[in-house]
Amino acid sequence: MSGWNTIQEVRRIEEQVMSLGFKFSNPKHAGHWADPGHQDMVSLVPADECLPVYCRDAEIFTGTLADVRTWLRGVEWARGYDMLNKISNDDKRMAAEQKERNRQLMNSIKESKRVEGVLK
């Protein structure tokens, strides 16, 4: 059983995960690890409408909650470093993601027209 502090920590991690565009998922390959300690593994996958360069079922990271916490700190550090160097910021990131969504939408429309033309 977990106590209240554990529940609060999981909620904090989940908020951080969501703020970076991810959601928790059951690891696809966790069963392949023989170590019984790996039963508490989680995966991070792109949340709906977030991180459009990845497939919706792409496991971006898999580990324990402690591993996730450490990995998230690294992601936030990298984003902060990019902002300090004026390489990227939230507006540039959102614009690039929208550009990718638009590209995917156009490809989808083109593909549906191609399939529609073949079926006629």
N, C-alpha and C. Protein backbone atom coordinates (compact mmCIF):
# COMPACT_ATOMS: atom_id res chain seq x y z
N MET A 1 0.83 -1.18 0.00
CA MET A 1 0.00 0.00 0.00
C MET A 1 0.88 1.24 0.00
N SER A 2 0.35 2.27 -0.58
CA SER A 2 1.05 3.55 -0.63
C SER A 2 0.36 4.54 0.28
N GLY A 3 1.17 5.44 0.84
CA GLY A 3 0.63 6.47 1.70
C GLY A 3 0.30 7.73 0.93
N TRP A 4 -0.23 8.71 1.66
CA TRP A 4 -0.66 9.96 1.07
C TRP A 4 0.50 10.67 0.36
N ASN A 5 1.68 10.67 0.94
CA ASN A 5 2.83 11.34 0.31
C ASN A 5 3.16 10.72 -1.04
N THR A 6 3.05 9.41 -1.14
CA THR A 6 3.30 8.74 -2.41
C THR A 6 2.27 9.14 -3.45
N ILE A 7 1.02 9.20 -3.04
CA ILE A 7 -0.05 9.60 -3.95
C ILE A 7 0.19 11.03 -4.44
N GLN A 8 0.56 11.92 -3.53
CA GLN A 8 0.85 13.31 -3.91
C GLN A 8 2.03 13.38 -4.87
N GLU A 9 3.06 12.59 -4.64
CA GLU A 9 4.23 12.58 -5.52
C GLU A 9 3.86 12.09 -6.91
N VAL A 10 3.05 11.04 -7.00
CA VAL A 10 2.61 10.54 -8.30
C VAL A 10 1.81 11.62 -9.02
N ARG A 11 0.96 12.32 -8.32
CA ARG A 11 0.17 13.40 -8.94
C ARG A 11 1.08 14.52 -9.45
N ARG A 12 2.12 14.89 -8.66
CA ARG A 12 3.05 15.93 -9.10
C ARG A 12 3.80 15.49 -10.36
N ILE A 13 4.23 14.24 -10.38
CA ILE A 13 4.94 13.73 -11.55
C ILE A 13 4.00 13.72 -12.75
N GLU A 14 2.76 13.30 -12.55
CA GLU A 14 1.79 13.25 -13.65
C GLU A 14 1.53 14.65 -14.21
N GLU A 15 1.43 15.66 -13.35
CA GLU A 15 1.26 17.04 -13.82
C GLU A 15 2.44 17.48 -14.67
N GLN A 16 3.64 17.15 -14.21
CA GLN A 16 4.85 17.49 -14.95
C GLN A 16 4.88 16.77 -16.29
N VAL A 17 4.51 15.50 -16.29
CA VAL A 17 4.45 14.70 -17.51
C VAL A 17 3.48 15.35 -18.50
N MET A 18 2.30 15.72 -18.03
CA MET A 18 1.29 16.32 -18.90
C MET A 18 1.74 17.69 -19.42
N SER A 19 2.42 18.47 -18.57
CA SER A 19 2.85 19.80 -19.00
C SER A 19 3.90 19.72 -20.12
N LEU A 20 4.60 18.61 -20.22
CA LEU A 20 5.60 18.43 -21.27
C LEU A 20 5.03 17.70 -22.50
N GLY A 21 3.72 17.39 -22.47
CA GLY A 21 3.08 16.80 -23.64
C GLY A 21 3.05 15.28 -23.66
N PHE A 22 3.24 14.66 -22.51
CA PHE A 22 3.24 13.20 -22.42
C PHE A 22 2.07 12.71 -21.60
N LYS A 23 1.88 11.42 -21.61
CA LYS A 23 0.96 10.77 -20.69
C LYS A 23 1.56 9.42 -20.32
N PHE A 24 1.13 8.88 -19.20
CA PHE A 24 1.60 7.57 -18.76
C PHE A 24 0.95 6.48 -19.59
N SER A 25 1.69 5.40 -19.76
CA SER A 25 1.18 4.24 -20.48
C SER A 25 1.79 2.99 -19.87
N ASN A 26 1.13 1.88 -20.10
CA ASN A 26 1.67 0.60 -19.68
C ASN A 26 2.79 0.21 -20.66
N PRO A 27 3.98 -0.10 -20.18
CA PRO A 27 5.07 -0.45 -21.10
C PRO A 27 4.74 -1.69 -21.93
N LYS A 28 5.04 -1.60 -23.20
CA LYS A 28 4.78 -2.74 -24.09
C LYS A 28 5.73 -3.90 -23.83
N HIS A 29 6.94 -3.58 -23.45
CA HIS A 29 7.97 -4.62 -23.33
C HIS A 29 8.41 -4.88 -21.90
N ALA A 30 7.68 -4.39 -20.93
CA ALA A 30 8.08 -4.57 -19.53
C ALA A 30 8.10 -6.04 -19.14
N GLY A 31 7.27 -6.84 -19.75
CA GLY A 31 7.23 -8.26 -19.42
C GLY A 31 8.47 -9.02 -19.85
N HIS A 32 9.27 -8.41 -20.71
CA HIS A 32 10.47 -9.07 -21.18
C HIS A 32 11.62 -8.99 -20.19
N TRP A 33 11.51 -8.10 -19.21
CA TRP A 33 12.57 -8.00 -18.22
C TRP A 33 12.33 -9.05 -17.15
N ALA A 34 13.35 -9.81 -16.86
CA ALA A 34 13.22 -10.93 -15.93
C ALA A 34 13.20 -10.46 -14.48
N ASP A 35 13.78 -9.33 -14.18
CA ASP A 35 13.87 -8.84 -12.81
C ASP A 35 12.48 -8.49 -12.29
N PRO A 36 12.05 -9.14 -11.18
CA PRO A 36 10.72 -8.84 -10.64
C PRO A 36 10.56 -7.38 -10.22
N GLY A 37 11.67 -6.70 -9.96
CA GLY A 37 11.61 -5.29 -9.57
C GLY A 37 11.14 -4.39 -10.68
N HIS A 38 11.10 -4.89 -11.90
CA HIS A 38 10.67 -4.08 -13.03
C HIS A 38 9.15 -4.08 -13.21
N GLN A 39 8.44 -4.64 -12.26
CA GLN A 39 6.99 -4.67 -12.35
C GLN A 39 6.38 -3.28 -12.20
N ASP A 40 7.13 -2.35 -11.63
CA ASP A 40 6.61 -1.01 -11.41
C ASP A 40 7.03 -0.03 -12.51
N MET A 41 7.26 -0.54 -13.70
CA MET A 41 7.69 0.29 -14.81
C MET A 41 6.49 1.01 -15.44
N VAL A 42 6.74 2.21 -15.94
CA VAL A 42 5.75 2.97 -16.69
C VAL A 42 6.44 3.48 -17.96
N SER A 43 5.65 3.79 -18.95
CA SER A 43 6.17 4.40 -20.17
C SER A 43 5.53 5.76 -20.34
N LEU A 44 6.26 6.63 -21.02
CA LEU A 44 5.73 7.93 -21.41
C LEU A 44 5.52 7.91 -22.91
N VAL A 45 4.31 8.25 -23.31
CA VAL A 45 3.95 8.33 -24.73
C VAL A 45 3.40 9.73 -24.99
N PRO A 46 3.40 10.18 -26.23
CA PRO A 46 2.84 11.50 -26.52
C PRO A 46 1.36 11.55 -26.16
N ALA A 47 0.98 12.64 -25.51
CA ALA A 47 -0.44 12.85 -25.22
C ALA A 47 -1.14 13.21 -26.52
N ASP A 48 -2.45 13.06 -26.55
CA ASP A 48 -3.23 13.41 -27.75
C ASP A 48 -2.95 14.85 -28.13
N GLU A 49 -2.74 15.08 -29.42
CA GLU A 49 -2.50 16.42 -29.98
C GLU A 49 -1.17 17.04 -29.53
N CYS A 50 -0.32 16.29 -28.83
CA CYS A 50 0.97 16.81 -28.40
C CYS A 50 2.10 16.06 -29.10
N LEU A 51 3.23 16.70 -29.21
CA LEU A 51 4.43 16.09 -29.78
C LEU A 51 4.13 15.39 -31.11
N PRO A 52 3.67 16.14 -32.10
CA PRO A 52 3.18 15.53 -33.34
C PRO A 52 4.23 14.79 -34.17
N VAL A 53 5.51 14.97 -33.89
CA VAL A 53 6.51 14.26 -34.69
C VAL A 53 6.59 12.79 -34.31
N TYR A 54 5.97 12.41 -33.19
CA TYR A 54 5.99 11.03 -32.73
C TYR A 54 4.65 10.34 -33.01
N CYS A 55 4.70 9.04 -33.27
CA CYS A 55 3.47 8.25 -33.36
C CYS A 55 2.79 8.27 -31.99
N ARG A 56 1.49 8.10 -31.99
CA ARG A 56 0.74 8.16 -30.72
C ARG A 56 1.13 7.03 -29.77
N ASP A 57 1.64 5.92 -30.30
CA ASP A 57 1.98 4.79 -29.42
C ASP A 57 3.49 4.67 -29.20
N ALA A 58 4.26 5.69 -29.60
CA ALA A 58 5.71 5.65 -29.41
C ALA A 58 6.05 5.77 -27.93
N GLU A 59 6.80 4.82 -27.42
CA GLU A 59 7.26 4.90 -26.04
C GLU A 59 8.52 5.76 -26.02
N ILE A 60 8.39 6.97 -25.56
CA ILE A 60 9.51 7.90 -25.55
C ILE A 60 10.46 7.57 -24.41
N PHE A 61 9.92 7.13 -23.30
CA PHE A 61 10.75 6.76 -22.15
C PHE A 61 10.04 5.67 -21.37
N THR A 62 10.80 4.73 -20.84
CA THR A 62 10.27 3.68 -19.98
C THR A 62 11.18 3.54 -18.77
N GLY A 63 10.59 3.49 -17.59
CA GLY A 63 11.36 3.32 -16.37
C GLY A 63 10.45 3.36 -15.17
N THR A 64 11.05 3.39 -14.00
CA THR A 64 10.28 3.51 -12.76
C THR A 64 9.89 4.97 -12.59
N LEU A 65 9.05 5.25 -11.62
CA LEU A 65 8.67 6.64 -11.37
C LEU A 65 9.89 7.48 -11.00
N ALA A 66 10.83 6.90 -10.26
CA ALA A 66 12.06 7.62 -9.93
C ALA A 66 12.86 7.92 -11.19
N ASP A 67 12.92 6.96 -12.12
CA ASP A 67 13.61 7.19 -13.39
C ASP A 67 12.90 8.29 -14.18
N VAL A 68 11.58 8.26 -14.20
CA VAL A 68 10.80 9.27 -14.91
C VAL A 68 11.10 10.65 -14.35
N ARG A 69 11.12 10.76 -13.03
CA ARG A 69 11.39 12.04 -12.37
C ARG A 69 12.75 12.60 -12.81
N THR A 70 13.77 11.74 -12.85
CA THR A 70 15.11 12.15 -13.27
C THR A 70 15.11 12.55 -14.75
N TRP A 71 14.47 11.75 -15.59
CA TRP A 71 14.42 12.03 -17.03
C TRP A 71 13.71 13.36 -17.30
N LEU A 72 12.62 13.61 -16.58
CA LEU A 72 11.87 14.85 -16.76
C LEU A 72 12.72 16.07 -16.38
N ARG A 73 13.53 15.93 -15.32
CA ARG A 73 14.43 17.03 -14.97
C ARG A 73 15.38 17.32 -16.12
N GLY A 74 15.87 16.28 -16.78
CA GLY A 74 16.76 16.46 -17.92
C GLY A 74 16.06 17.15 -19.08
N VAL A 75 14.83 16.78 -19.36
CA VAL A 75 14.08 17.42 -20.44
C VAL A 75 13.88 18.89 -20.12
N GLU A 76 13.49 19.19 -18.90
CA GLU A 76 13.28 20.59 -18.52
C GLU A 76 14.59 21.37 -18.56
N TRP A 77 15.69 20.75 -18.13
CA TRP A 77 16.99 21.42 -18.20
C TRP A 77 17.34 21.75 -19.65
N ALA A 78 17.14 20.77 -20.55
CA ALA A 78 17.47 20.98 -21.96
C ALA A 78 16.62 22.10 -22.56
N ARG A 79 15.35 22.13 -22.22
CA ARG A 79 14.48 23.21 -22.73
C ARG A 79 14.94 24.56 -22.19
N GLY A 80 15.27 24.60 -20.92
CA GLY A 80 15.75 25.84 -20.32
C GLY A 80 17.06 26.30 -20.94
N TYR A 81 17.94 25.37 -21.20
CA TYR A 81 19.22 25.70 -21.83
C TYR A 81 19.02 26.24 -23.23
N ASP A 82 18.11 25.63 -23.98
CA ASP A 82 17.79 26.12 -25.33
C ASP A 82 17.23 27.55 -25.26
N MET A 83 16.41 27.82 -24.26
CA MET A 83 15.85 29.16 -24.12
C MET A 83 16.96 30.18 -23.79
N LEU A 84 17.89 29.80 -22.90
CA LEU A 84 18.99 30.69 -22.56
C LEU A 84 19.84 31.03 -23.78
N ASN A 85 20.02 30.06 -24.64
CA ASN A 85 20.81 30.25 -25.86
C ASN A 85 19.99 30.80 -27.02
N LYS A 86 18.73 31.09 -26.75
CA LYS A 86 17.81 31.61 -27.77
C LYS A 86 17.71 30.70 -29.00
N ILE A 87 17.90 29.41 -28.76
CA ILE A 87 17.74 28.41 -29.82
C ILE A 87 16.27 28.11 -30.00
N SER A 88 15.55 28.08 -28.88
CA SER A 88 14.15 27.73 -28.92
C SER A 88 13.44 28.39 -27.74
N ASN A 89 12.14 28.50 -27.87
CA ASN A 89 11.29 28.94 -26.77
C ASN A 89 9.92 28.29 -26.98
N ASP A 90 9.02 28.53 -26.06
CA ASP A 90 7.70 27.88 -26.16
C ASP A 90 6.97 28.26 -27.44
N ASP A 91 7.07 29.54 -27.85
CA ASP A 91 6.38 29.97 -29.07
C ASP A 91 6.95 29.27 -30.30
N LYS A 92 8.28 29.19 -30.39
CA LYS A 92 8.91 28.51 -31.53
C LYS A 92 8.54 27.03 -31.54
N ARG A 93 8.53 26.42 -30.35
CA ARG A 93 8.19 24.99 -30.26
C ARG A 93 6.76 24.76 -30.71
N MET A 94 5.83 25.61 -30.24
CA MET A 94 4.42 25.45 -30.63
C MET A 94 4.23 25.68 -32.13
N ALA A 95 4.96 26.66 -32.68
CA ALA A 95 4.84 26.93 -34.12
C ALA A 95 5.36 25.74 -34.93
N ALA A 96 6.47 25.17 -34.51
CA ALA A 96 7.03 24.01 -35.22
C ALA A 96 6.09 22.81 -35.12
N GLU A 97 5.48 22.61 -33.95
CA GLU A 97 4.54 21.51 -33.79
C GLU A 97 3.30 21.71 -34.66
N GLN A 98 2.82 22.96 -34.75
CA GLN A 98 1.65 23.22 -35.59
C GLN A 98 2.00 23.01 -37.06
N LYS A 99 3.20 23.39 -37.45
CA LYS A 99 3.65 23.16 -38.83
C LYS A 99 3.65 21.66 -39.14
N GLU A 100 4.10 20.85 -38.19
CA GLU A 100 4.12 19.40 -38.39
C GLU A 100 2.70 18.85 -38.45
N ARG A 101 1.79 19.34 -37.60
CA ARG A 101 0.39 18.90 -37.66
C ARG A 101 -0.21 19.22 -39.03
N ASN A 102 0.07 20.43 -39.52
CA ASN A 102 -0.44 20.84 -40.83
C ASN A 102 0.11 19.95 -41.93
N ARG A 103 1.40 19.62 -41.85
CA ARG A 103 2.01 18.74 -42.84
C ARG A 103 1.34 17.38 -42.84
N GLN A 104 1.10 16.83 -41.65
CA GLN A 104 0.45 15.53 -41.53
C GLN A 104 -0.98 15.59 -42.07
N LEU A 105 -1.69 16.68 -41.79
CA LEU A 105 -3.05 16.84 -42.29
C LEU A 105 -3.07 16.89 -43.81
N MET A 106 -2.15 17.64 -44.39
CA MET A 106 -2.09 17.73 -45.85
C MET A 106 -1.77 16.37 -46.46
N ASN A 107 -0.85 15.62 -45.86
CA ASN A 107 -0.55 14.27 -46.34
C ASN A 107 -1.76 13.36 -46.25
N SER A 108 -2.51 13.49 -45.18
CA SER A 108 -3.71 12.69 -44.99
C SER A 108 -4.76 13.02 -46.05
N ILE A 109 -4.93 14.31 -46.31
CA ILE A 109 -5.90 14.74 -47.33
C ILE A 109 -5.47 14.24 -48.70
N LYS A 110 -4.20 14.39 -49.03
CA LYS A 110 -3.68 13.92 -50.33
C LYS A 110 -3.88 12.42 -50.47
N GLU A 111 -3.59 11.68 -49.39
CA GLU A 111 -3.73 10.22 -49.43
C GLU A 111 -5.19 9.83 -49.61
N SER A 112 -6.09 10.52 -48.92
CA SER A 112 -7.52 10.15 -49.05
C SER A 112 -8.03 10.48 -50.45
N LYS A 113 -7.53 11.55 -51.06
CA LYS A 113 -7.93 11.87 -52.43
C LYS A 113 -7.37 10.83 -53.40
N ARG A 114 -6.14 10.38 -53.13
CA ARG A 114 -5.54 9.37 -54.00
C ARG A 114 -6.31 8.06 -53.91
N VAL A 115 -6.65 7.66 -52.70
CA VAL A 115 -7.41 6.43 -52.51
C VAL A 115 -8.80 6.58 -53.11
N GLU A 116 -9.41 7.74 -52.94
CA GLU A 116 -10.73 8.00 -53.50
C GLU A 116 -10.70 7.91 -55.01
N GLY A 117 -9.63 8.45 -55.63
CA GLY A 117 -9.48 8.39 -57.08
C GLY A 117 -9.28 6.98 -57.59
N VAL A 118 -8.59 6.16 -56.82
CA VAL A 118 -8.36 4.76 -57.20
C VAL A 118 -9.64 3.96 -57.11
N LEU A 119 -10.47 4.27 -56.11
CA LEU A 119 -11.70 3.51 -55.91
C LEU A 119 -12.77 3.85 -56.93
N LYS A 120 -12.67 4.98 -57.58
CA LYS A 120 -13.71 5.36 -58.55
C LYS A 120 -13.56 4.66 -59.85
